[in-house]
C-alpha atoms as a PDB file:
ATOM      1  CA  MET A   1       0.114   0.135   0.002  1.00  0.00           C
ATOM      2  CA  GLU A   2       1.426   3.398  -1.025  1.00  0.00           C
ATOM      3  CA  ARG A   3       0.838   6.594   1.145  1.00  0.00           C
ATOM      4  CA  GLU A   4       0.448  10.000  -0.275  1.00  0.00           C
ATOM      5  CA  LEU A   5       3.047  12.400   0.832  1.00  0.00           C
ATOM      6  CA  PHE A   6       0.732  15.423   0.777  1.00  0.00           C
ATOM      7  CA  PRO A   7      -2.865  14.090   0.900  1.00  0.00           C
ATOM      8  CA  ALA A   8      -4.368  17.688   1.652  1.00  0.00           C
ATOM      9  CA  ALA A   9      -2.436  19.216  -1.424  1.00  0.00           C
ATOM     10  CA  ALA A  10      -3.892  16.620  -3.665  1.00  0.00           C
ATOM     11  CA  LYS A  11      -7.427  17.612  -2.814  1.00  0.00           C
ATOM     12  CA  HIS A  12      -6.925  21.456  -2.711  1.00  0.00           C
ATOM     13  CA  PRO A  13      -4.178  22.396  -5.160  1.00  0.00           C
ATOM     14  CA  VAL A  14      -2.467  25.762  -4.623  1.00  0.00           C
ATOM     15  CA  TYR A  15      -1.988  28.058  -7.655  1.00  0.00           C
ATOM     16  CA  ASP A  16       0.681  30.796  -8.109  1.00  0.00           C
ATOM     17  CA  GLU A  17      -1.469  32.985 -10.149  1.00  0.00           C
ATOM     18  CA  LEU A  18      -5.118  33.460 -10.743  1.00  0.00           C
ATOM     19  CA  SER A  19      -7.305  36.075 -12.285  1.00  0.00           C
ATOM     20  CA  VAL A  20     -11.068  36.832 -12.042  1.00  0.00           C
ATOM     21  CA  SER A  21     -12.779  38.960 -14.700  1.00  0.00           C
ATOM     22  CA  PHE A  22     -15.639  41.136 -13.687  1.00  0.00           C
ATOM     23  CA  GLU A  23     -18.264  43.580 -15.137  1.00  0.00           C
ATOM     24  CA  ASN A  24     -20.128  45.970 -13.145  1.00  0.00           C
ATOM     25  CA  PRO A  25     -23.138  47.399 -14.943  1.00  0.00           C
ATOM     26  CA  ALA A  26     -23.693  51.044 -15.231  1.00  0.00           C
ATOM     27  CA  THR A  27     -25.100  52.943 -12.150  1.00  0.00           C
ATOM     28  CA  ASP A  28     -27.629  55.277 -14.120  1.00  0.00           C
ATOM     29  CA  PRO A  29     -29.709  55.134 -17.296  1.00  0.00           C
ATOM     30  CA  LEU A  30     -27.155  57.170 -19.401  1.00  0.00           C
ATOM     31  CA  GLY A  31     -24.545  54.389 -19.015  1.00  0.00           C
ATOM     32  CA  TYR A  32     -22.163  56.132 -16.736  1.00  0.00           C
ATOM     33  CA  ASP A  33     -19.560  54.404 -14.410  1.00  0.00           C
ATOM     34  CA  HIS A  34     -19.828  51.033 -16.326  1.00  0.00           C
ATOM     35  CA  VAL A  35     -16.722  49.125 -15.144  1.00  0.00           C
ATOM     36  CA  GLU A  36     -14.983  46.082 -16.447  1.00  0.00           C
ATOM     37  CA  GLY A  37     -11.687  44.547 -15.656  1.00  0.00           C
ATOM     38  CA  LYS A  38     -10.011  41.914 -13.642  1.00  0.00           C
ATOM     39  CA  LEU A  39      -8.615  41.119 -10.208  1.00  0.00           C
ATOM     40  CA  TYR A  40      -5.116  39.528 -10.885  1.00  0.00           C
ATOM     41  CA  CYS A  41      -3.318  37.608  -8.021  1.00  0.00           C
ATOM     42  CA  GLY A  42       0.266  37.291  -8.930  1.00  0.00           C
ATOM     43  CA  ARG A  43       3.299  35.823  -7.236  1.00  0.00           C
ATOM     44  CA  ASP A  44       3.960  38.933  -5.094  1.00  0.00           C
ATOM     45  CA  ALA A  45       0.993  41.196  -5.370  1.00  0.00           C
ATOM     46  CA  VAL A  46      -2.651  41.546  -6.085  1.00  0.00           C
ATOM     47  CA  GLU A  47      -3.635  43.788  -8.965  1.00  0.00           C
ATOM     48  CA  LEU A  48      -6.973  45.432  -9.554  1.00  0.00           C
ATOM     49  CA  GLN A  49      -7.121  46.336 -13.299  1.00  0.00           C
ATOM     50  CA  PHE A  50     -10.240  48.107 -14.506  1.00  0.00           C
ATOM     51  CA  LYS A  51     -11.549  50.283 -17.204  1.00  0.00           C
ATOM     52  CA  VAL A  52     -14.411  52.793 -16.593  1.00  0.00           C
ATOM     53  CA  ARG A  53     -16.817  53.531 -19.399  1.00  0.00           C
ATOM     54  CA  ASP A  54     -18.017  57.145 -18.802  1.00  0.00           C
ATOM     55  CA  ARG A  55     -19.357  58.162 -22.152  1.00  0.00           C
ATOM     56  CA  ALA A  56     -20.510  56.134 -25.242  1.00  0.00           C
ATOM     57  CA  PHE A  57     -17.799  57.476 -27.501  1.00  0.00           C
ATOM     58  CA  ARG A  58     -14.778  58.370 -25.180  1.00  0.00           C
ATOM     59  CA  LYS A  59     -12.172  55.705 -24.544  1.00  0.00           C
ATOM     60  CA  THR A  60     -10.431  55.992 -20.996  1.00  0.00           C
ATOM     61  CA  PRO A  61      -7.250  54.077 -20.362  1.00  0.00           C
ATOM     62  CA  ALA A  62      -7.086  51.165 -18.053  1.00  0.00           C
ATOM     63  CA  THR A  63      -6.270  51.752 -14.400  1.00  0.00           C
ATOM     64  CA  VAL A  64      -3.949  49.242 -12.597  1.00  0.00           C
ATOM     65  CA  VAL A  65      -4.042  49.421  -8.859  1.00  0.00           C
ATOM     66  CA  PRO A  66      -1.318  47.251  -7.092  1.00  0.00           C
ATOM     67  CA  PHE A  67      -1.707  45.671  -3.587  1.00  0.00           C
ATOM     68  CA  ASP A  68       0.701  43.842  -1.429  1.00  0.00           C
ATOM     69  CA  TYR A  69      -0.964  40.917   0.052  1.00  0.00           C
ATOM     70  CA  ALA A  70      -0.398  42.482   3.514  1.00  0.00           C
ATOM     71  CA  GLU A  71      -2.668  45.411   2.274  1.00  0.00           C
ATOM     72  CA  VAL A  72      -5.570  43.106   1.337  1.00  0.00           C
ATOM     73  CA  GLU A  73      -8.054  42.893   4.413  1.00  0.00           C
ATOM     74  CA  LYS A  74     -10.658  40.433   3.250  1.00  0.00           C
ATOM     75  CA  VAL A  75     -11.907  38.627   0.023  1.00  0.00           C
ATOM     76  CA  GLU A  76     -15.210  36.948  -0.104  1.00  0.00           C
ATOM     77  CA  TYR A  77     -17.174  35.216  -2.807  1.00  0.00           C
ATOM     78  CA  HIS A  78     -20.992  35.247  -2.680  1.00  0.00           C
ATOM     79  CA  ALA A  79     -22.730  32.971  -5.021  1.00  0.00           C
ATOM     80  CA  LYS A  80     -26.494  32.794  -4.331  1.00  0.00           C
ATOM     81  CA  TRP A  81     -29.037  31.161  -6.638  1.00  0.00           C
ATOM     82  CA  PHE A  82     -30.677  33.531  -8.973  1.00  0.00           C
ATOM     83  CA  ARG A  83     -28.371  36.386  -7.986  1.00  0.00           C
ATOM     84  CA  PRO A  84     -25.309  37.969  -9.350  1.00  0.00           C
ATOM     85  CA  LYS A  85     -22.134  36.328  -8.411  1.00  0.00           C
ATOM     86  CA  VAL A  86     -20.190  38.803  -6.311  1.00  0.00           C
ATOM     87  CA  LEU A  87     -16.523  38.966  -5.203  1.00  0.00           C
ATOM     88  CA  VAL A  88     -16.120  41.511  -2.351  1.00  0.00           C
ATOM     89  CA  PHE A  89     -12.703  42.856  -2.175  1.00  0.00           C
ATOM     90  CA  GLN A  90     -11.737  44.866   0.898  1.00  0.00           C
ATOM     91  CA  SER A  91      -8.298  46.670   1.458  1.00  0.00           C
ATOM     92  CA  ARG A  92      -6.647  48.201   4.353  1.00  0.00           C
ATOM     93  CA  CYS A  93      -5.710  51.144   2.110  1.00  0.00           C
ATOM     94  CA  PRO A  94      -8.974  52.818   1.138  1.00  0.00           C
ATOM     95  CA  GLY A  95      -7.259  55.620  -0.718  1.00  0.00           C
ATOM     96  CA  LYS A  96      -6.111  53.225  -3.406  1.00  0.00           C
ATOM     97  CA  LEU A  97      -9.746  52.487  -4.440  1.00  0.00           C
ATOM     98  CA  ASP A  98     -10.837  56.174  -4.877  1.00  0.00           C
ATOM     99  CA  GLY A  99     -10.961  56.010  -8.565  1.00  0.00           C
ATOM    100  CA  PHE A 100     -13.230  52.838  -8.476  1.00  0.00           C
ATOM    101  CA  PRO A 101     -16.901  53.735  -9.134  1.00  0.00           C
ATOM    102  CA  GLY A 102     -18.960  52.531  -6.119  1.00  0.00           C
ATOM    103  CA  ALA A 103     -16.104  52.089  -3.759  1.00  0.00           C
ATOM    104  CA  ALA A 104     -16.918  52.621  -0.217  1.00  0.00           C
ATOM    105  CA  VAL A 105     -14.132  52.994   2.442  1.00  0.00           C
ATOM    106  CA  GLY A 106     -11.711  50.475   0.869  1.00  0.00           C
ATOM    107  CA  ARG A 107     -14.390  47.944  -0.270  1.00  0.00           C
ATOM    108  CA  VAL A 108     -15.541  46.995  -3.879  1.00  0.00           C
ATOM    109  CA  GLU A 109     -17.963  44.553  -5.039  1.00  0.00           C
ATOM    110  CA  LEU A 110     -17.006  43.002  -8.300  1.00  0.00           C
ATOM    111  CA  ARG A 111     -19.785  41.216 -10.335  1.00  0.00           C
ATOM    112  CA  VAL A 112     -17.976  38.090 -11.632  1.00  0.00           C
ATOM    113  CA  ILE A 113     -18.649  37.062 -15.202  1.00  0.00           C
ATOM    114  CA  GLU A 114     -19.717  33.511 -15.967  1.00  0.00           C
ATOM    115  CA  GLU A 115     -16.289  32.316 -17.417  1.00  0.00           C
ATOM    116  CA  SER A 116     -14.392  33.371 -14.165  1.00  0.00           C
ATOM    117  CA  ARG A 117     -16.922  31.842 -11.534  1.00  0.00           C
ATOM    118  CA  ARG A 118     -14.806  28.751 -10.868  1.00  0.00           C
ATOM    119  CA  ASP A 119     -11.630  30.857 -10.332  1.00  0.00           C
ATOM    120  CA  ALA A 120     -13.482  33.478  -8.150  1.00  0.00           C
ATOM    121  CA  ALA A 121     -14.317  30.798  -5.590  1.00  0.00           C
ATOM    122  CA  LYS A 122     -10.577  30.025  -5.378  1.00  0.00           C
ATOM    123  CA  VAL A 123      -9.398  33.581  -4.874  1.00  0.00           C
ATOM    124  CA  ALA A 124      -9.998  34.005  -1.223  1.00  0.00           C
ATOM    125  CA  GLU A 125      -8.157  30.768  -0.395  1.00  0.00           C
ATOM    126  CA  LEU A 126      -5.210  31.811  -2.572  1.00  0.00           C
ATOM    127  CA  ILE A 127      -4.996  35.258  -0.986  1.00  0.00           C
ATOM    128  CA  ARG A 128      -5.053  33.753   2.597  1.00  0.00           C
ATOM    129  CA  TYR A 129      -2.261  31.443   1.543  1.00  0.00           C
ATOM    130  CA  LYS A 130      -0.066  34.181   0.170  1.00  0.00           C
ATOM    131  CA  GLN A 131      -0.880  36.385   3.221  1.00  0.00           C
ATOM    132  CA  SER A 132       0.361  33.571   5.443  1.00  0.00           C
ATOM    133  CA  GLU A 133       3.440  33.210   3.287  1.00  0.00           C
ATOM    134  CA  ALA A 134       4.228  36.991   3.536  1.00  0.00           C
ATOM    135  CA  PHE A 135       3.730  36.801   7.275  1.00  0.00           C
ATOM    136  CA  VAL A 136       6.157  34.037   7.803  1.00  0.00           C
ATOM    137  CA  ALA A 137       8.828  35.757   5.471  1.00  0.00           C
ATOM    138  CA  GLU A 138       8.337  38.993   7.542  1.00  0.00           C
ATOM    139  CA  SER A 139       8.592  37.169  10.814  1.00  0.00           C
ATOM    140  CA  GLU A 140      11.775  35.329   9.773  1.00  0.00           C
ATOM    141  CA  SER A 141      13.372  38.491   8.577  1.00  0.00           C
ATOM    142  CA  ARG A 142      12.463  40.233  11.825  1.00  0.00           C
ATOM    143  CA  LEU A 143      14.033  37.239  13.760  1.00  0.00           C
ATOM    144  CA  ALA A 144      17.128  37.351  11.773  1.00  0.00           C
ATOM    145  CA  ARG A 145      17.557  41.115  12.519  1.00  0.00           C
ATOM    146  CA  LEU A 146      17.121  40.508  16.326  1.00  0.00           C
ATOM    147  CA  ARG A 147      19.718  37.646  16.078  1.00  0.00           C
ATOM    148  CA  GLU A 148      22.145  39.998  14.429  1.00  0.00           C
ATOM    149  CA  THR A 149      21.805  42.755  16.992  1.00  0.00           C
ATOM    150  CA  ASP A 150      21.923  40.325  19.831  1.00  0.00           C
ATOM    151  CA  GLY A 151      24.995  38.328  18.627  1.00  0.00           C
END
Protein backbone atom coordinates (compact mmCIF):
# COMPACT_ATOMS: atom_id res chain seq x y z
CA MET A 1 0.00 0.00 0.00
CA GLU A 2 1.39 3.36 -1.05
CA ARG A 3 0.93 6.47 1.12
CA GLU A 4 0.47 9.93 -0.28
CA LEU A 5 3.07 12.47 0.82
CA PHE A 6 0.72 15.45 0.80
CA PRO A 7 -2.89 14.22 0.86
CA ALA A 8 -4.37 17.69 1.55
CA ALA A 9 -2.45 19.21 -1.38
CA ALA A 10 -3.92 16.64 -3.75
CA LYS A 11 -7.45 17.64 -2.80
CA HIS A 12 -6.81 21.41 -2.73
CA PRO A 13 -4.11 22.42 -5.20
CA VAL A 14 -2.43 25.79 -4.60
CA TYR A 15 -2.09 28.06 -7.60
CA ASP A 16 0.66 30.65 -8.06
CA GLU A 17 -1.38 33.01 -10.22
CA LEU A 18 -5.08 33.48 -10.70
CA SER A 19 -7.29 36.11 -12.28
CA VAL A 20 -11.01 36.81 -12.08
CA SER A 21 -12.78 38.93 -14.69
CA PHE A 22 -15.69 41.13 -13.68
CA GLU A 23 -18.18 43.54 -15.18
CA ASN A 24 -20.15 45.98 -13.03
CA PRO A 25 -23.12 47.45 -14.91
CA ALA A 26 -23.72 51.18 -15.20
CA THR A 27 -25.18 52.93 -12.19
CA ASP A 28 -27.49 55.25 -14.12
CA PRO A 29 -29.66 55.12 -17.27
CA LEU A 30 -27.12 57.09 -19.34
CA GLY A 31 -24.51 54.36 -18.95
CA TYR A 32 -22.07 56.21 -16.71
CA ASP A 33 -19.66 54.35 -14.42
CA HIS A 34 -19.81 51.01 -16.23
CA VAL A 35 -16.73 49.12 -14.99
CA GLU A 36 -15.03 46.08 -16.47
CA GLY A 37 -11.71 44.52 -15.61
CA LYS A 38 -10.03 41.79 -13.64
CA LEU A 39 -8.57 41.04 -10.24
CA TYR A 40 -5.15 39.48 -10.82
CA CYS A 41 -3.44 37.55 -8.03
CA GLY A 42 0.23 37.30 -8.92
CA ARG A 43 3.20 35.82 -7.15
CA ASP A 44 4.04 38.95 -5.13
CA ALA A 45 0.99 41.21 -5.27
CA VAL A 46 -2.68 41.59 -6.15
CA GLU A 47 -3.61 43.93 -9.01
CA LEU A 48 -7.01 45.42 -9.61
CA GLN A 49 -7.13 46.25 -13.32
CA PHE A 50 -10.21 48.09 -14.53
CA LYS A 51 -11.56 50.38 -17.20
CA VAL A 52 -14.44 52.81 -16.64
CA ARG A 53 -16.81 53.63 -19.49
CA ASP A 54 -17.93 57.19 -18.82
CA ARG A 55 -19.45 58.08 -22.16
CA ALA A 56 -20.45 56.16 -25.23
CA PHE A 57 -17.76 57.49 -27.56
CA ARG A 58 -14.88 58.32 -25.23
CA LYS A 59 -12.24 55.71 -24.45
CA THR A 60 -10.51 55.83 -21.10
CA PRO A 61 -7.22 54.10 -20.36
CA ALA A 62 -7.15 51.09 -18.08
CA THR A 63 -6.26 51.73 -14.44
CA VAL A 64 -3.99 49.32 -12.56
CA VAL A 65 -3.98 49.46 -8.76
CA PRO A 66 -1.34 47.22 -7.10
CA PHE A 67 -1.83 45.82 -3.59
CA ASP A 68 0.66 43.89 -1.49
CA TYR A 69 -0.88 40.82 0.08
CA ALA A 70 -0.48 42.50 3.48
CA GLU A 71 -2.73 45.37 2.29
CA VAL A 72 -5.64 43.05 1.48
CA GLU A 73 -8.01 42.85 4.42
CA LYS A 74 -10.67 40.45 3.17
CA VAL A 75 -11.90 38.75 0.01
CA GLU A 76 -15.25 36.94 -0.04
CA TYR A 77 -17.15 35.25 -2.84
CA HIS A 78 -20.96 35.31 -2.66
CA ALA A 79 -22.75 32.93 -5.02
CA LYS A 80 -26.45 32.74 -4.29
CA TRP A 81 -29.08 31.21 -6.53
CA PHE A 82 -30.69 33.55 -9.05
CA ARG A 83 -28.43 36.42 -7.93
CA PRO A 84 -25.34 37.95 -9.48
CA LYS A 85 -22.13 36.28 -8.33
CA VAL A 86 -20.19 38.90 -6.36
CA LEU A 87 -16.56 38.98 -5.24
CA VAL A 88 -16.12 41.42 -2.34
CA PHE A 89 -12.60 42.88 -2.16
CA GLN A 90 -11.66 44.89 0.92
CA SER A 91 -8.35 46.70 1.41
CA ARG A 92 -6.57 48.21 4.40
CA CYS A 93 -5.66 51.18 2.17
CA PRO A 94 -8.98 52.81 1.20
CA GLY A 95 -7.26 55.62 -0.72
CA LYS A 96 -6.11 53.20 -3.41
CA LEU A 97 -9.70 52.50 -4.43
CA ASP A 98 -10.79 56.13 -4.80
CA GLY A 99 -10.99 55.95 -8.60
CA PHE A 100 -13.23 52.86 -8.63
CA PRO A 101 -16.95 53.72 -9.07
CA GLY A 102 -19.00 52.44 -6.16
CA ALA A 103 -16.05 51.96 -3.78
CA ALA A 104 -16.91 52.58 -0.14
CA VAL A 105 -14.16 52.87 2.48
CA GLY A 106 -11.74 50.48 0.81
CA ARG A 107 -14.39 47.98 -0.25
CA VAL A 108 -15.55 47.14 -3.77
CA GLU A 109 -18.07 44.61 -5.02
CA LEU A 110 -17.10 42.98 -8.31
CA ARG A 111 -19.75 41.17 -10.36
CA VAL A 112 -17.98 38.09 -11.67
CA ILE A 113 -18.62 37.08 -15.28
CA GLU A 114 -19.68 33.51 -15.98
CA GLU A 115 -16.31 32.39 -17.38
CA SER A 116 -14.48 33.34 -14.16
CA ARG A 117 -16.83 31.89 -11.56
CA ARG A 118 -14.73 28.81 -10.87
CA ASP A 119 -11.61 30.92 -10.31
CA ALA A 120 -13.52 33.40 -8.14
CA ALA A 121 -14.27 30.66 -5.64
CA LYS A 122 -10.52 29.97 -5.31
CA VAL A 123 -9.33 33.57 -4.93
CA ALA A 124 -10.04 33.95 -1.20
CA GLU A 125 -8.12 30.76 -0.40
CA LEU A 126 -5.17 31.82 -2.57
CA ILE A 127 -4.97 35.27 -0.96
CA ARG A 128 -5.05 33.78 2.56
CA TYR A 129 -2.24 31.43 1.57
CA LYS A 130 -0.14 34.25 0.09
CA GLN A 131 -0.78 36.41 3.18
CA SER A 132 0.47 33.61 5.43
CA GLU A 133 3.60 33.23 3.27
CA ALA A 134 4.25 36.98 3.53
CA PHE A 135 3.71 36.89 7.29
CA VAL A 136 6.19 34.01 7.72
CA ALA A 137 8.79 35.75 5.56
CA GLU A 138 8.38 39.00 7.50
CA SER A 139 8.64 37.14 10.83
CA GLU A 140 11.79 35.32 9.72
CA SER A 141 13.43 38.56 8.59
CA ARG A 142 12.54 40.24 11.91
CA LEU A 143 13.96 37.26 13.82
CA ALA A 144 17.16 37.40 11.73
CA ARG A 145 17.54 41.12 12.51
CA LEU A 146 17.07 40.44 16.23
CA ARG A 147 19.71 37.70 16.13
CA GLU A 148 22.18 40.03 14.38
CA THR A 149 21.74 42.77 16.97
CA ASP A 150 22.03 40.33 19.91
CA GLY A 151 24.97 38.34 18.54
